[in-house]
Protein backbone atom coordinates (compact mmCIF):
# COMPACT_ATOMS: atom_id res chain seq x y z
CA UNK A 1 -0.55 24.62 -4.71
CA UNK A 2 -2.04 23.18 -1.55
CA UNK A 3 -1.36 19.57 -0.57
CA UNK A 4 -3.63 18.00 2.06
CA UNK A 5 -2.97 14.72 3.81
CA UNK A 6 -5.54 13.05 6.00
CA UNK A 7 -4.05 10.66 8.52
CA UNK A 8 -5.93 8.46 10.93
CA UNK A 9 -4.54 8.74 14.44
CA UNK A 10 -5.78 6.29 17.03
CA UNK A 11 -6.42 7.79 20.43
CA UNK A 12 -4.16 6.14 23.01
CA UNK A 13 -6.83 5.93 25.69
CA UNK A 14 -9.68 4.71 23.50
CA UNK A 15 -10.22 2.53 20.47
CA UNK A 16 -12.02 5.33 18.62
CA UNK A 17 -10.19 6.84 15.66
CA UNK A 18 -9.89 10.58 15.06
CA UNK A 19 -9.04 12.07 11.69
CA UNK A 20 -6.47 14.84 11.47
CA UNK A 21 -5.76 16.95 8.43
CA UNK A 22 -2.32 18.33 7.67
CA UNK A 23 -1.98 20.94 4.90
CA UNK A 24 1.30 21.76 3.19
CA UNK A 25 1.62 24.79 0.94
CA UNK A 26 4.08 24.17 -1.91
CA UNK A 27 5.20 26.71 -4.51
CA UNK A 28 4.15 26.16 -8.10
CA UNK A 29 1.11 24.62 -9.66
CA UNK A 30 1.93 20.92 -9.93
CA UNK A 31 -1.12 18.68 -9.88
CA UNK A 32 -1.59 16.55 -6.77
CA UNK A 33 -2.00 12.83 -7.46
CA UNK A 34 -3.12 10.33 -4.81
CA UNK A 35 -2.92 6.56 -5.01
CA UNK A 36 -4.06 4.12 -2.30
CA UNK A 37 -2.46 0.67 -2.28
CA UNK A 38 -2.93 -2.31 0.04
CA UNK A 39 0.02 -4.63 0.65
CA UNK A 40 -0.05 -8.17 2.02
CA UNK A 41 2.90 -8.78 4.31
CA UNK A 42 2.59 -12.39 5.46
CA UNK A 43 -0.19 -12.35 8.04
CA UNK A 44 -0.25 -8.53 8.21
CA UNK A 45 -1.52 -5.76 5.94
CA UNK A 46 0.04 -2.37 5.25
CA UNK A 47 -2.13 0.34 3.74
CA UNK A 48 -0.21 2.99 1.83
CA UNK A 49 -1.47 6.22 0.37
CA UNK A 50 0.99 7.86 -1.98
CA UNK A 51 0.64 11.60 -2.51
CA UNK A 52 2.69 13.10 -5.33
CA UNK A 53 2.93 16.79 -6.23
CA UNK A 54 5.61 17.55 -8.78
CA UNK A 55 8.99 16.76 -7.23
CA UNK A 56 7.43 16.22 -3.79
CA UNK A 57 6.17 12.79 -2.75
CA UNK A 58 5.01 11.33 0.54
CA UNK A 59 3.63 8.00 1.67
CA UNK A 60 1.14 7.70 4.52
CA UNK A 61 1.50 4.17 5.89
CA UNK A 62 -0.92 2.41 8.19
CA UNK A 63 0.99 -0.22 10.14
CA UNK A 64 -1.48 -1.90 12.48
CA UNK A 65 -2.52 0.86 14.86
CA UNK A 66 0.29 3.24 13.82
CA UNK A 67 0.31 5.88 11.12
CA UNK A 68 3.66 6.84 9.62
CA UNK A 69 4.09 9.80 7.27
CA UNK A 70 7.22 9.28 5.20
CA UNK A 71 8.91 11.42 2.53
CA UNK A 72 10.87 10.28 -0.49
CA UNK A 73 14.61 9.95 -0.15
CA UNK A 74 17.34 9.06 -2.64
CA UNK A 75 17.33 5.43 -3.79
CA UNK A 76 19.33 3.43 -6.31
CA UNK A 77 16.11 1.92 -7.69
CA UNK A 78 12.43 1.93 -6.86
CA UNK A 79 10.89 4.49 -4.52
CA UNK A 80 12.25 4.88 -1.00
CA UNK A 81 10.45 6.73 1.80
CA UNK A 82 11.66 7.54 5.32
CA UNK A 83 9.54 8.52 8.32
CA UNK A 84 9.88 8.11 12.07
CA UNK A 85 12.16 5.08 12.58
CA UNK A 86 11.06 3.37 9.34
CA UNK A 87 12.16 3.10 5.74
CA UNK A 88 9.56 1.90 3.21
CA UNK A 89 11.19 0.81 -0.04
CA UNK A 90 9.04 -0.13 -3.02
CA UNK A 91 9.91 -1.58 -6.40
CA UNK A 92 7.13 -2.68 -8.73
CA UNK A 93 4.53 -4.64 -6.75
CA UNK A 94 6.93 -5.37 -3.87
CA UNK A 95 7.80 -3.35 -0.77
CA UNK A 96 10.08 -3.83 2.21
CA UNK A 97 9.77 -2.17 5.60
CA UNK A 98 12.95 -1.53 7.57
CA UNK A 99 13.13 -0.49 11.22
CA UNK A 100 16.17 1.75 11.64
CA UNK A 101 16.34 1.03 15.37
CA UNK A 102 17.43 -2.52 14.47
CA UNK A 103 20.64 -1.27 12.82
CA UNK A 104 21.70 0.07 9.46
CA UNK A 105 22.37 -3.36 7.92
CA UNK A 106 19.42 -5.18 9.53
CA UNK A 107 17.12 -7.14 7.21
CA UNK A 108 13.60 -5.92 6.44
CA UNK A 109 11.10 -6.45 9.25
CA UNK A 110 8.39 -7.00 6.62
CA UNK A 111 8.38 -7.95 2.95
CA UNK A 112 5.15 -7.18 1.18
CA UNK A 113 3.32 -7.55 -2.14
CA UNK A 114 0.48 -5.50 -3.60
CA UNK A 115 -2.92 -7.07 -2.94
CA UNK A 116 -4.78 -7.26 -6.23
């Protein structure tokens, strides 16, 4: 099975966006499912694309001009993803973004709801 993720990476020196494709080869024949979701987070928006292939799941988050690719990690409830210095934790139509550089017990830096 081949899993492709397209992430938008903004060039640091220009405002033009370049698309990059990352391909992961996974054993087995699980079907790849993709789901794009927009979240309203106060006066900001987070775009999330969830890519699921069997037991493997990732979230590609667009946070302003940053792209974060996060993988699922163990959670007590909901779906929890970790990538770079962020944790993205979803449950139902709600999601919280945590910045690990702020400390392990720091509150979410953003609380979001699905835009319908």
